[in-house]
Protein backbone atom coordinates (compact mmCIF):
# COMPACT_ATOMS: atom_id res chain seq x y z
CA MET A 1 15.70 -5.11 11.14
CA ASN A 2 14.24 -7.15 8.03
CA LYS A 3 10.63 -6.54 9.10
CA LYS A 4 11.42 -2.74 9.37
CA LYS A 5 12.88 -2.61 5.65
CA ASN A 6 9.53 -4.72 4.35
CA LYS A 7 7.36 -2.09 6.11
CA LYS A 8 9.47 0.76 4.53
CA LYS A 9 9.29 -0.76 1.00
CA ILE A 10 5.17 -1.79 1.07
CA GLU A 11 4.96 1.99 2.71
CA ASP A 12 7.05 3.57 -0.36
CA ASP A 13 4.90 1.55 -3.02
CA SER A 14 1.28 1.90 -1.88
CA GLU A 15 0.87 4.68 -4.44
CA ALA A 16 1.87 2.24 -7.22
CA LEU A 17 -1.75 0.50 -6.39
CA PHE A 18 -3.68 3.25 -7.99
CA ILE A 19 -2.37 2.33 -11.52
CA PRO A 20 -4.16 -1.09 -11.77
CA ALA A 21 -6.92 0.72 -9.64
CA GLY A 22 -7.78 3.26 -12.51
CA VAL A 23 -7.16 0.21 -15.11
CA LEU A 24 -10.01 -1.76 -13.20
CA THR A 25 -12.10 1.49 -12.89
CA GLY A 26 -11.75 2.63 -16.49
CA MET A 27 -12.58 -0.99 -17.89
CA GLY A 28 -15.67 -0.94 -15.61
CA PHE A 29 -16.59 2.33 -17.36
CA GLY A 30 -15.37 1.19 -20.60
CA PHE A 31 -18.23 -1.47 -20.20
CA LEU A 32 -20.62 0.87 -19.03
CA TYR A 33 -20.09 3.05 -22.21
CA GLY A 34 -19.42 0.41 -24.64
CA ASN A 35 -15.91 1.37 -25.62
CA LEU A 36 -13.27 -0.64 -23.39
CA VAL A 37 -10.20 0.41 -24.98
CA ALA A 38 -10.97 4.12 -24.54
CA GLY A 39 -12.35 3.46 -20.78
CA LEU A 40 -9.10 1.64 -20.17
CA PHE A 41 -6.83 4.16 -21.64
CA ILE A 42 -8.38 6.87 -19.28
CA GLY A 43 -8.50 4.73 -16.44
CA LEU A 44 -4.64 4.12 -16.77
CA GLY A 45 -4.08 7.94 -17.30
CA PHE A 46 -5.69 8.82 -14.55
CA GLY A 47 -4.07 5.77 -12.26
CA PHE A 48 -0.88 7.69 -13.28
CA ILE A 49 -1.63 10.96 -12.56
CA VAL A 50 -2.89 10.07 -9.19
CA PHE A 51 0.20 7.92 -8.42
CA ALA A 52 2.65 11.13 -9.69
CA ILE A 53 0.65 13.74 -7.70
CA LEU A 54 0.83 11.09 -4.36
CA SER A 55 4.57 10.51 -4.88
CA VAL A 56 5.39 13.89 -4.86
CA VAL A 57 3.11 14.70 -1.88
CA ARG A 58 4.69 11.94 0.07
CA LYS A 59 8.42 13.58 -0.97
CA ARG A 60 7.34 16.59 0.39
CA ASN A 61 5.96 15.79 3.53
CA LYS A 62 9.25 13.35 4.20
CA LYS A 63 11.23 16.71 3.59
CA ASN A 64 9.60 18.84 5.99
CA ILE A 65 9.86 16.40 8.45
């Protein structure tokens, strides 16, 4: 039963990985264009947007099932 809870927890939090992914992507673009801080903030914003969208989609899919 404990394994099922851990698997469910991992599935529920998987969209949270887009926040650090966005930060790292933004960091790369910041280095590329010579403005690291702006790239970090843009990447962080995109990470939160994707996180929110995927959370809403996942909740709707769970509700329909």
